[in-house]
C-alpha atoms as a PDB file:
ATOM      1  CA  UNK A   1     -25.709  18.485  14.741  1.00  0.00           C
ATOM      2  CA  UNK A   2     -25.303  20.692  11.691  1.00  0.00           C
ATOM      3  CA  UNK A   3     -22.528  20.618   9.156  1.00  0.00           C
ATOM      4  CA  UNK A   4     -19.688  22.894  10.146  1.00  0.00           C
ATOM      5  CA  UNK A   5     -18.683  25.566   7.668  1.00  0.00           C
ATOM      6  CA  UNK A   6     -15.216  24.909   6.278  1.00  0.00           C
ATOM      7  CA  UNK A   7     -12.808  27.492   4.889  1.00  0.00           C
ATOM      8  CA  UNK A   8     -13.152  25.929   1.461  1.00  0.00           C
ATOM      9  CA  UNK A   9     -12.499  29.268  -0.200  1.00  0.00           C
ATOM     10  CA  UNK A  10      -8.896  28.334   0.536  1.00  0.00           C
ATOM     11  CA  UNK A  11      -9.397  25.024  -1.226  1.00  0.00           C
ATOM     12  CA  UNK A  12     -11.526  26.123  -4.150  1.00  0.00           C
ATOM     13  CA  UNK A  13     -13.487  23.557  -6.112  1.00  0.00           C
ATOM     14  CA  UNK A  14     -11.700  24.297  -9.350  1.00  0.00           C
ATOM     15  CA  UNK A  15      -8.339  25.155  -7.907  1.00  0.00           C
ATOM     16  CA  UNK A  16      -5.372  22.962  -8.765  1.00  0.00           C
ATOM     17  CA  UNK A  17      -2.982  21.778  -6.113  1.00  0.00           C
ATOM     18  CA  UNK A  18      -0.139  24.185  -5.700  1.00  0.00           C
ATOM     19  CA  UNK A  19       2.799  24.953  -3.477  1.00  0.00           C
ATOM     20  CA  UNK A  20       1.715  28.568  -3.149  1.00  0.00           C
ATOM     21  CA  UNK A  21       0.498  29.571   0.330  1.00  0.00           C
ATOM     22  CA  UNK A  22      -3.221  29.020   0.770  1.00  0.00           C
ATOM     23  CA  UNK A  23      -3.676  31.271   3.766  1.00  0.00           C
ATOM     24  CA  UNK A  24      -4.561  34.875   2.944  1.00  0.00           C
ATOM     25  CA  UNK A  25      -2.480  37.443   4.785  1.00  0.00           C
ATOM     26  CA  UNK A  26      -4.941  39.431   6.908  1.00  0.00           C
ATOM     27  CA  UNK A  27      -2.894  40.450   9.930  1.00  0.00           C
ATOM     28  CA  UNK A  28       0.464  42.003  10.590  1.00  0.00           C
ATOM     29  CA  UNK A  29       3.553  39.847  10.685  1.00  0.00           C
ATOM     30  CA  UNK A  30       5.065  39.556  14.166  1.00  0.00           C
ATOM     31  CA  UNK A  31       8.272  37.925  15.389  1.00  0.00           C
ATOM     32  CA  UNK A  32       7.580  34.938  17.658  1.00  0.00           C
ATOM     33  CA  UNK A  33      10.298  33.134  19.676  1.00  0.00           C
ATOM     34  CA  UNK A  34      10.949  29.709  18.149  1.00  0.00           C
ATOM     35  CA  UNK A  35      10.969  28.130  21.613  1.00  0.00           C
ATOM     36  CA  UNK A  36       7.345  29.154  22.167  1.00  0.00           C
ATOM     37  CA  UNK A  37       6.042  27.355  19.061  1.00  0.00           C
ATOM     38  CA  UNK A  38       4.719  23.787  19.050  1.00  0.00           C
ATOM     39  CA  UNK A  39       3.914  21.631  15.979  1.00  0.00           C
ATOM     40  CA  UNK A  40       0.309  21.222  14.924  1.00  0.00           C
ATOM     41  CA  UNK A  41      -1.311  18.440  16.951  1.00  0.00           C
ATOM     42  CA  UNK A  42      -3.615  17.696  14.023  1.00  0.00           C
ATOM     43  CA  UNK A  43      -0.846  17.429  11.434  1.00  0.00           C
ATOM     44  CA  UNK A  44      -1.932  14.803   8.876  1.00  0.00           C
ATOM     45  CA  UNK A  45       1.584  14.315   7.566  1.00  0.00           C
ATOM     46  CA  UNK A  46       3.105  11.313   9.321  1.00  0.00           C
ATOM     47  CA  UNK A  47       6.443  11.439   7.551  1.00  0.00           C
ATOM     48  CA  UNK A  48       8.640  14.416   6.711  1.00  0.00           C
ATOM     49  CA  UNK A  49      11.333  14.300   4.042  1.00  0.00           C
ATOM     50  CA  UNK A  50      14.382  15.417   5.995  1.00  0.00           C
ATOM     51  CA  UNK A  51      16.405  15.894   2.809  1.00  0.00           C
ATOM     52  CA  UNK A  52      13.786  18.268   1.416  1.00  0.00           C
ATOM     53  CA  UNK A  53      13.639  20.158   4.720  1.00  0.00           C
ATOM     54  CA  UNK A  54      17.421  20.483   4.640  1.00  0.00           C
ATOM     55  CA  UNK A  55      17.230  21.945   1.137  1.00  0.00           C
ATOM     56  CA  UNK A  56      14.483  24.329   2.280  1.00  0.00           C
ATOM     57  CA  UNK A  57      16.658  25.405   5.226  1.00  0.00           C
ATOM     58  CA  UNK A  58      19.506  26.194   2.854  1.00  0.00           C
ATOM     59  CA  UNK A  59      17.190  28.316   0.686  1.00  0.00           C
ATOM     60  CA  UNK A  60      15.873  30.167   3.753  1.00  0.00           C
ATOM     61  CA  UNK A  61      19.430  30.756   4.977  1.00  0.00           C
ATOM     62  CA  UNK A  62      20.324  32.331   1.639  1.00  0.00           C
ATOM     63  CA  UNK A  63      17.149  34.278   0.868  1.00  0.00           C
ATOM     64  CA  UNK A  64      15.263  34.550   4.152  1.00  0.00           C
ATOM     65  CA  UNK A  65      11.764  33.302   5.005  1.00  0.00           C
ATOM     66  CA  UNK A  66       9.620  34.815   2.262  1.00  0.00           C
ATOM     67  CA  UNK A  67       6.287  33.521   3.601  1.00  0.00           C
ATOM     68  CA  UNK A  68       5.557  33.794   7.356  1.00  0.00           C
ATOM     69  CA  UNK A  69       4.148  30.797   9.147  1.00  0.00           C
ATOM     70  CA  UNK A  70       0.608  30.944  10.532  1.00  0.00           C
ATOM     71  CA  UNK A  71       0.043  30.357  14.259  1.00  0.00           C
ATOM     72  CA  UNK A  72      -2.663  30.510  16.871  1.00  0.00           C
ATOM     73  CA  UNK A  73      -2.169  31.194  20.550  1.00  0.00           C
ATOM     74  CA  UNK A  74      -2.413  27.813  22.246  1.00  0.00           C
ATOM     75  CA  UNK A  75      -1.529  28.725  25.827  1.00  0.00           C
ATOM     76  CA  UNK A  76      -0.129  31.900  27.376  1.00  0.00           C
ATOM     77  CA  UNK A  77       3.204  32.504  25.642  1.00  0.00           C
ATOM     78  CA  UNK A  78       2.812  29.367  23.518  1.00  0.00           C
ATOM     79  CA  UNK A  79       1.682  29.115  19.912  1.00  0.00           C
ATOM     80  CA  UNK A  80       0.549  26.212  17.735  1.00  0.00           C
ATOM     81  CA  UNK A  81       1.339  26.002  14.036  1.00  0.00           C
ATOM     82  CA  UNK A  82      -1.651  26.232  11.732  1.00  0.00           C
ATOM     83  CA  UNK A  83       0.267  26.359   8.458  1.00  0.00           C
ATOM     84  CA  UNK A  84       3.962  26.180   7.646  1.00  0.00           C
ATOM     85  CA  UNK A  85       5.354  23.264   9.649  1.00  0.00           C
ATOM     86  CA  UNK A  86       7.996  22.455   7.028  1.00  0.00           C
ATOM     87  CA  UNK A  87       9.183  26.066   7.135  1.00  0.00           C
ATOM     88  CA  UNK A  88       9.218  25.930  10.937  1.00  0.00           C
ATOM     89  CA  UNK A  89      11.303  22.739  10.921  1.00  0.00           C
ATOM     90  CA  UNK A  90      13.732  24.306   8.460  1.00  0.00           C
ATOM     91  CA  UNK A  91      14.052  27.479  10.557  1.00  0.00           C
ATOM     92  CA  UNK A  92      14.551  25.406  13.718  1.00  0.00           C
ATOM     93  CA  UNK A  93      17.458  23.593  12.089  1.00  0.00           C
ATOM     94  CA  UNK A  94      19.061  27.002  11.467  1.00  0.00           C
ATOM     95  CA  UNK A  95      18.825  27.806  15.196  1.00  0.00           C
ATOM     96  CA  UNK A  96      16.900  31.033  14.652  1.00  0.00           C
ATOM     97  CA  UNK A  97      15.723  32.714  17.841  1.00  0.00           C
ATOM     98  CA  UNK A  98      12.535  34.116  16.316  1.00  0.00           C
ATOM     99  CA  UNK A  99      10.442  33.484  13.221  1.00  0.00           C
ATOM    100  CA  UNK A 100       8.056  35.803  11.323  1.00  0.00           C
ATOM    101  CA  UNK A 101       4.463  34.700  11.826  1.00  0.00           C
ATOM    102  CA  UNK A 102       0.817  35.674  11.526  1.00  0.00           C
ATOM    103  CA  UNK A 103      -1.207  34.925  14.650  1.00  0.00           C
ATOM    104  CA  UNK A 104      -4.840  33.929  14.042  1.00  0.00           C
ATOM    105  CA  UNK A 105      -7.703  33.211  16.440  1.00  0.00           C
ATOM    106  CA  UNK A 106      -9.038  29.679  15.891  1.00  0.00           C
ATOM    107  CA  UNK A 107     -10.487  26.869  17.987  1.00  0.00           C
ATOM    108  CA  UNK A 108      -9.303  23.262  17.831  1.00  0.00           C
ATOM    109  CA  UNK A 109     -11.690  22.204  15.068  1.00  0.00           C
ATOM    110  CA  UNK A 110     -10.845  25.202  12.909  1.00  0.00           C
ATOM    111  CA  UNK A 111      -7.128  24.649  13.484  1.00  0.00           C
ATOM    112  CA  UNK A 112      -7.377  20.987  12.548  1.00  0.00           C
ATOM    113  CA  UNK A 113      -9.441  21.727   9.442  1.00  0.00           C
ATOM    114  CA  UNK A 114      -7.028  24.423   8.318  1.00  0.00           C
ATOM    115  CA  UNK A 115      -4.016  22.129   8.821  1.00  0.00           C
ATOM    116  CA  UNK A 116      -5.681  19.332   6.880  1.00  0.00           C
ATOM    117  CA  UNK A 117      -6.698  21.586   4.014  1.00  0.00           C
ATOM    118  CA  UNK A 118      -3.273  23.222   3.946  1.00  0.00           C
ATOM    119  CA  UNK A 119      -1.650  19.820   3.492  1.00  0.00           C
ATOM    120  CA  UNK A 120      -4.201  18.539   0.993  1.00  0.00           C
ATOM    121  CA  UNK A 121      -3.226  21.474  -1.223  1.00  0.00           C
ATOM    122  CA  UNK A 122       0.163  19.874  -1.703  1.00  0.00           C
ATOM    123  CA  UNK A 123       1.219  16.772  -3.592  1.00  0.00           C
ATOM    124  CA  UNK A 124       3.586  15.383  -0.958  1.00  0.00           C
ATOM    125  CA  UNK A 125       0.993  13.570   1.156  1.00  0.00           C
ATOM    126  CA  UNK A 126       0.918   9.816   0.680  1.00  0.00           C
ATOM    127  CA  UNK A 127      -2.400   8.200  -0.232  1.00  0.00           C
ATOM    128  CA  UNK A 128      -2.775   6.926   3.348  1.00  0.00           C
ATOM    129  CA  UNK A 129      -2.109  10.370   4.841  1.00  0.00           C
ATOM    130  CA  UNK A 130      -4.611  11.844   2.395  1.00  0.00           C
ATOM    131  CA  UNK A 131      -7.203   9.260   3.429  1.00  0.00           C
ATOM    132  CA  UNK A 132      -6.628  10.080   7.107  1.00  0.00           C
ATOM    133  CA  UNK A 133      -7.032  13.777   6.303  1.00  0.00           C
ATOM    134  CA  UNK A 134     -10.396  13.188   4.607  1.00  0.00           C
ATOM    135  CA  UNK A 135     -11.537  11.026   7.513  1.00  0.00           C
ATOM    136  CA  UNK A 136     -10.586  13.713  10.036  1.00  0.00           C
ATOM    137  CA  UNK A 137     -12.230  16.488   8.030  1.00  0.00           C
ATOM    138  CA  UNK A 138     -15.472  14.525   7.893  1.00  0.00           C
ATOM    139  CA  UNK A 139     -15.381  13.796  11.634  1.00  0.00           C
ATOM    140  CA  UNK A 140     -14.436  17.332  12.677  1.00  0.00           C
ATOM    141  CA  UNK A 141     -17.066  18.991  10.529  1.00  0.00           C
ATOM    142  CA  UNK A 142     -19.801  16.333  10.708  1.00  0.00           C
ATOM    143  CA  UNK A 143     -19.791  15.857   6.960  1.00  0.00           C
ATOM    144  CA  UNK A 144     -20.786  12.989   4.710  1.00  0.00           C
ATOM    145  CA  UNK A 145     -18.572  11.762   1.906  1.00  0.00           C
ATOM    146  CA  UNK A 146     -20.815  13.545  -0.583  1.00  0.00           C
ATOM    147  CA  UNK A 147     -20.571  16.859   1.281  1.00  0.00           C
ATOM    148  CA  UNK A 148     -16.793  16.629   1.554  1.00  0.00           C
ATOM    149  CA  UNK A 149     -16.493  15.681  -2.115  1.00  0.00           C
ATOM    150  CA  UNK A 150     -18.572  18.689  -3.126  1.00  0.00           C
ATOM    151  CA  UNK A 151     -16.518  20.971  -0.910  1.00  0.00           C
ATOM    152  CA  UNK A 152     -13.169  19.987  -2.411  1.00  0.00           C
ATOM    153  CA  UNK A 153     -14.302  19.489  -5.990  1.00  0.00           C
ATOM    154  CA  UNK A 154     -13.906  15.710  -6.093  1.00  0.00           C
ATOM    155  CA  UNK A 155     -16.329  12.883  -6.772  1.00  0.00           C
ATOM    156  CA  UNK A 156     -17.799  10.877  -3.924  1.00  0.00           C
ATOM    157  CA  UNK A 157     -16.222   7.796  -5.487  1.00  0.00           C
ATOM    158  CA  UNK A 158     -12.797   9.429  -5.240  1.00  0.00           C
ATOM    159  CA  UNK A 159     -13.287  10.058  -1.511  1.00  0.00           C
ATOM    160  CA  UNK A 160     -14.674   6.558  -0.936  1.00  0.00           C
ATOM    161  CA  UNK A 161     -11.719   4.921  -2.691  1.00  0.00           C
ATOM    162  CA  UNK A 162      -9.246   6.882  -0.582  1.00  0.00           C
ATOM    163  CA  UNK A 163     -11.042   5.981   2.644  1.00  0.00           C
ATOM    164  CA  UNK A 164     -11.033   2.288   1.724  1.00  0.00           C
ATOM    165  CA  UNK A 165      -7.240   2.341   2.034  1.00  0.00           C
ATOM    166  CA  UNK A 166      -7.681   2.758   5.792  1.00  0.00           C
ATOM    167  CA  UNK A 167      -9.130  -0.776   5.886  1.00  0.00           C
ATOM    168  CA  UNK A 168      -5.792  -2.237   4.798  1.00  0.00           C
ATOM    169  CA  UNK A 169      -3.651  -4.125   7.298  1.00  0.00           C
ATOM    170  CA  UNK A 170      -1.207  -1.899   9.163  1.00  0.00           C
ATOM    171  CA  UNK A 171       1.931  -3.235   7.387  1.00  0.00           C
ATOM    172  CA  UNK A 172       0.347  -2.471   4.010  1.00  0.00           C
ATOM    173  CA  UNK A 173      -0.633   1.054   5.091  1.00  0.00           C
ATOM    174  CA  UNK A 174       2.924   1.579   6.341  1.00  0.00           C
ATOM    175  CA  UNK A 175       4.336   0.400   3.012  1.00  0.00           C
ATOM    176  CA  UNK A 176       2.177   2.951   1.161  1.00  0.00           C
ATOM    177  CA  UNK A 177       3.108   5.657   3.664  1.00  0.00           C
ATOM    178  CA  UNK A 178       6.818   4.950   3.137  1.00  0.00           C
ATOM    179  CA  UNK A 179       6.290   4.715  -0.626  1.00  0.00           C
ATOM    180  CA  UNK A 180       7.481   1.125  -0.837  1.00  0.00           C
ATOM    181  CA  UNK A 181       4.355   0.248  -2.798  1.00  0.00           C
ATOM    182  CA  UNK A 182       1.876   2.367  -4.708  1.00  0.00           C
ATOM    183  CA  UNK A 183      -1.706   3.206  -3.869  1.00  0.00           C
ATOM    184  CA  UNK A 184      -2.794   0.852  -6.669  1.00  0.00           C
ATOM    185  CA  UNK A 185      -0.909  -2.019  -5.029  1.00  0.00           C
ATOM    186  CA  UNK A 186      -2.870  -1.260  -1.874  1.00  0.00           C
ATOM    187  CA  UNK A 187      -6.185  -1.198  -3.725  1.00  0.00           C
ATOM    188  CA  UNK A 188      -5.409  -4.621  -5.176  1.00  0.00           C
ATOM    189  CA  UNK A 189      -4.755  -6.041  -1.709  1.00  0.00           C
ATOM    190  CA  UNK A 190      -8.190  -4.943  -0.520  1.00  0.00           C
ATOM    191  CA  UNK A 191      -9.480  -7.986  -2.403  1.00  0.00           C
ATOM    192  CA  UNK A 192      -8.084 -10.340   0.258  1.00  0.00           C
ATOM    193  CA  UNK A 193      -8.798 -10.444   4.011  1.00  0.00           C
ATOM    194  CA  UNK A 194      -6.641  -8.151   6.142  1.00  0.00           C
ATOM    195  CA  UNK A 195      -4.951 -11.058   7.919  1.00  0.00           C
ATOM    196  CA  UNK A 196      -3.722 -12.403   4.560  1.00  0.00           C
ATOM    197  CA  UNK A 197      -2.445  -9.076   3.244  1.00  0.00           C
ATOM    198  CA  UNK A 198       0.957  -9.054   5.035  1.00  0.00           C
ATOM    199  CA  UNK A 199       1.918 -12.308   3.309  1.00  0.00           C
ATOM    200  CA  UNK A 200       0.949 -10.847  -0.075  1.00  0.00           C
ATOM    201  CA  UNK A 201       2.878  -7.674   0.753  1.00  0.00           C
ATOM    202  CA  UNK A 202       5.980  -9.676   1.639  1.00  0.00           C
ATOM    203  CA  UNK A 203       5.964 -11.357  -1.766  1.00  0.00           C
ATOM    204  CA  UNK A 204       5.258  -8.082  -3.593  1.00  0.00           C
ATOM    205  CA  UNK A 205       8.244  -6.432  -1.921  1.00  0.00           C
ATOM    206  CA  UNK A 206      10.555  -9.434  -2.290  1.00  0.00           C
ATOM    207  CA  UNK A 207       9.833  -9.873  -6.001  1.00  0.00           C
ATOM    208  CA  UNK A 208       9.248  -6.180  -6.788  1.00  0.00           C
ATOM    209  CA  UNK A 209       5.911  -7.061  -8.379  1.00  0.00           C
ATOM    210  CA  UNK A 210       4.078  -4.599 -10.585  1.00  0.00           C
ATOM    211  CA  UNK A 211       0.428  -3.790  -9.921  1.00  0.00           C
ATOM    212  CA  UNK A 212      -0.636  -6.175 -12.680  1.00  0.00           C
ATOM    213  CA  UNK A 213       1.546  -8.947 -11.273  1.00  0.00           C
ATOM    214  CA  UNK A 214       0.163  -8.261  -7.804  1.00  0.00           C
ATOM    215  CA  UNK A 215      -3.399  -8.562  -9.095  1.00  0.00           C
ATOM    216  CA  UNK A 216      -2.503 -11.878 -10.750  1.00  0.00           C
ATOM    217  CA  UNK A 217      -0.928 -13.129  -7.519  1.00  0.00           C
ATOM    218  CA  UNK A 218      -4.055 -12.211  -5.562  1.00  0.00           C
ATOM    219  CA  UNK A 219      -6.351 -13.820  -8.136  1.00  0.00           C
ATOM    220  CA  UNK A 220      -4.314 -17.011  -7.856  1.00  0.00           C
ATOM    221  CA  UNK A 221      -4.464 -16.886  -4.064  1.00  0.00           C
ATOM    222  CA  UNK A 222      -8.251 -16.440  -4.139  1.00  0.00           C
ATOM    223  CA  UNK A 223      -8.861 -19.246  -6.652  1.00  0.00           C
ATOM    224  CA  UNK A 224     -10.353 -22.366  -5.054  1.00  0.00           C
ATOM    225  CA  UNK A 225      -7.833 -25.148  -4.710  1.00  0.00           C
ATOM    226  CA  UNK A 226      -8.306 -27.887  -7.292  1.00  0.00           C
ATOM    227  CA  UNK A 227      -8.752 -31.334  -5.769  1.00  0.00           C
ATOM    228  CA  UNK A 228      -5.682 -33.442  -6.306  1.00  0.00           C
ATOM    229  CA  UNK A 229      -6.155 -36.261  -8.784  1.00  0.00           C
ATOM    230  CA  UNK A 230      -6.168 -39.604  -7.059  1.00  0.00           C
ATOM    231  CA  UNK A 231      -3.407 -41.726  -8.392  1.00  0.00           C
ATOM    232  CA  UNK A 232      -3.953 -45.395  -8.734  1.00  0.00           C
ATOM    233  CA  UNK A 233      -1.815 -47.033  -6.161  1.00  0.00           C
ATOM    234  CA  UNK A 234      -0.021 -50.154  -7.283  1.00  0.00           C
ATOM    235  CA  UNK A 235       1.303 -52.298  -4.530  1.00  0.00           C
ATOM    236  CA  UNK A 236       4.228 -54.398  -5.539  1.00  0.00           C
ATOM    237  CA  UNK A 237       4.615 -57.112  -2.969  1.00  0.00           C
ATOM    238  CA  UNK A 238       8.094 -58.485  -2.851  1.00  0.00           C
ATOM    239  CA  UNK A 239       9.276 -56.815  -6.075  1.00  0.00           C
ATOM    240  CA  UNK A 240      12.936 -56.158  -5.454  1.00  0.00           C
ATOM    241  CA  UNK A 241      15.369 -54.153  -7.489  1.00  0.00           C
ATOM    242  CA  UNK A 242      16.732 -57.313  -9.095  1.00  0.00           C
ATOM    243  CA  UNK A 243      13.223 -58.417 -10.041  1.00  0.00           C
ATOM    244  CA  UNK A 244      12.536 -55.086 -11.744  1.00  0.00           C
ATOM    245  CA  UNK A 245      15.750 -55.412 -13.720  1.00  0.00           C
ATOM    246  CA  UNK A 246      14.653 -58.846 -14.907  1.00  0.00           C
ATOM    247  CA  UNK A 247      11.168 -57.611 -15.852  1.00  0.00           C
ATOM    248  CA  UNK A 248      12.551 -54.641 -17.780  1.00  0.00           C
ATOM    249  CA  UNK A 249      15.019 -56.884 -19.607  1.00  0.00           C
ATOM    250  CA  UNK A 250      12.193 -59.180 -20.711  1.00  0.00           C
ATOM    251  CA  UNK A 251      10.123 -56.210 -21.893  1.00  0.00           C
ATOM    252  CA  UNK A 252      13.032 -54.897 -23.948  1.00  0.00           C
ATOM    253  CA  UNK A 253      13.513 -58.309 -25.502  1.00  0.00           C
ATOM    254  CA  UNK A 254       9.830 -58.489 -26.423  1.00  0.00           C
ATOM    255  CA  UNK A 255      10.072 -55.038 -27.986  1.00  0.00           C
ATOM    256  CA  UNK A 256      13.088 -56.063 -30.071  1.00  0.00           C
ATOM    257  CA  UNK A 257      11.175 -59.031 -31.423  1.00  0.00           C
ATOM    258  CA  UNK A 258       8.048 -57.005 -32.220  1.00  0.00           C
ATOM    259  CA  UNK A 259      10.183 -54.324 -33.864  1.00  0.00           C
ATOM    260  CA  UNK A 260      11.575 -57.058 -36.123  1.00  0.00           C
ATOM    261  CA  UNK A 261       8.066 -57.762 -37.364  1.00  0.00           C
ATOM    262  CA  UNK A 262       6.825 -60.632 -35.237  1.00  0.00           C
ATOM    263  CA  UNK A 263       3.550 -60.137 -33.400  1.00  0.00           C
ATOM    264  CA  UNK A 264       3.728 -61.156 -29.753  1.00  0.00           C
ATOM    265  CA  UNK A 265       1.095 -61.017 -27.076  1.00  0.00           C
ATOM    266  CA  UNK A 266       2.122 -60.470 -23.473  1.00  0.00           C
ATOM    267  CA  UNK A 267       0.305 -60.567 -20.177  1.00  0.00           C
ATOM    268  CA  UNK A 268       1.797 -59.354 -16.899  1.00  0.00           C
ATOM    269  CA  UNK A 269       0.511 -59.822 -13.384  1.00  0.00           C
ATOM    270  CA  UNK A 270       1.701 -59.831  -9.816  1.00  0.00           C
ATOM    271  CA  UNK A 271       1.209 -62.941  -7.764  1.00  0.00           C
ATOM    272  CA  UNK A 272       1.566 -63.458  -4.020  1.00  0.00           C
ATOM    273  CA  UNK A 273       4.927 -65.066  -4.660  1.00  0.00           C
ATOM    274  CA  UNK A 274       6.324 -63.033  -7.527  1.00  0.00           C
ATOM    275  CA  UNK A 275       5.701 -61.449 -10.908  1.00  0.00           C
ATOM    276  CA  UNK A 276       4.353 -63.408 -13.886  1.00  0.00           C
ATOM    277  CA  UNK A 277       4.913 -62.556 -17.551  1.00  0.00           C
ATOM    278  CA  UNK A 278       3.182 -64.687 -20.161  1.00  0.00           C
ATOM    279  CA  UNK A 279       4.344 -64.352 -23.768  1.00  0.00           C
ATOM    280  CA  UNK A 280       2.305 -65.875 -26.599  1.00  0.00           C
ATOM    281  CA  UNK A 281       4.423 -66.535 -29.692  1.00  0.00           C
ATOM    282  CA  UNK A 282       2.492 -67.503 -32.832  1.00  0.00           C
ATOM    283  CA  UNK A 283       3.594 -70.579 -34.833  1.00  0.00           C
ATOM    284  CA  UNK A 284       4.950 -70.003 -38.286  1.00  0.00           C
ATOM    285  CA  UNK A 285       2.317 -70.581 -40.925  1.00  0.00           C
END
């Protein structure tokens, strides 16, 4: 199956990300009842900032909707959003009856591609949402990583690194999505098996670890455990607390004598019946 042609003119190779509308106005603006509009089923954004939408609604209430949303007819008397879901959510919160829109003719694949590209033009997507968008674009349009990279003006390595984030354990992906950790934290966790990542994540969140600290934690976790040094076990048969006091008292006495200048030789050993200390005291010359 051939590679599908994407509307990459809307996502030019050398074009910077911007909040300006990417969809060229080709058709007349019409008023569509809000109740007949459904969200885009291919929307890559998994989380919407309700505070930002509230601020957008306030701006629209004061100045009107300056840029119409873009729709396609989904079913008779029903329309699906191609571009402008944040604007639609803001307008819905204002209880408008109708919204200005441009109605395009697109199939499912074209609609999905347009929605993905529209969102990739903006900075608000999390790294995980961006990775999902690249994955969907490749699947919808039968593209390789290299072809997608060329189409959007990125390196293949950039695309590959984003896609690797989808291999993270679900709790880690959720933490990136909710901006509890950064993309770089997630990259670091790729170094450990997925079933071990939630435990690492828990410690990163609890201790508010930096990326560097997270990398150090992971390196420590991956290091082979050093065999414990075998300690020489000394069995003291029948050595009671009182016996130890006596032994220590003798040792202190010997030390006092040697500190005074006399050379003593001692030998200590345990016996089946007790503890023996032999002290050799030289005769005076």
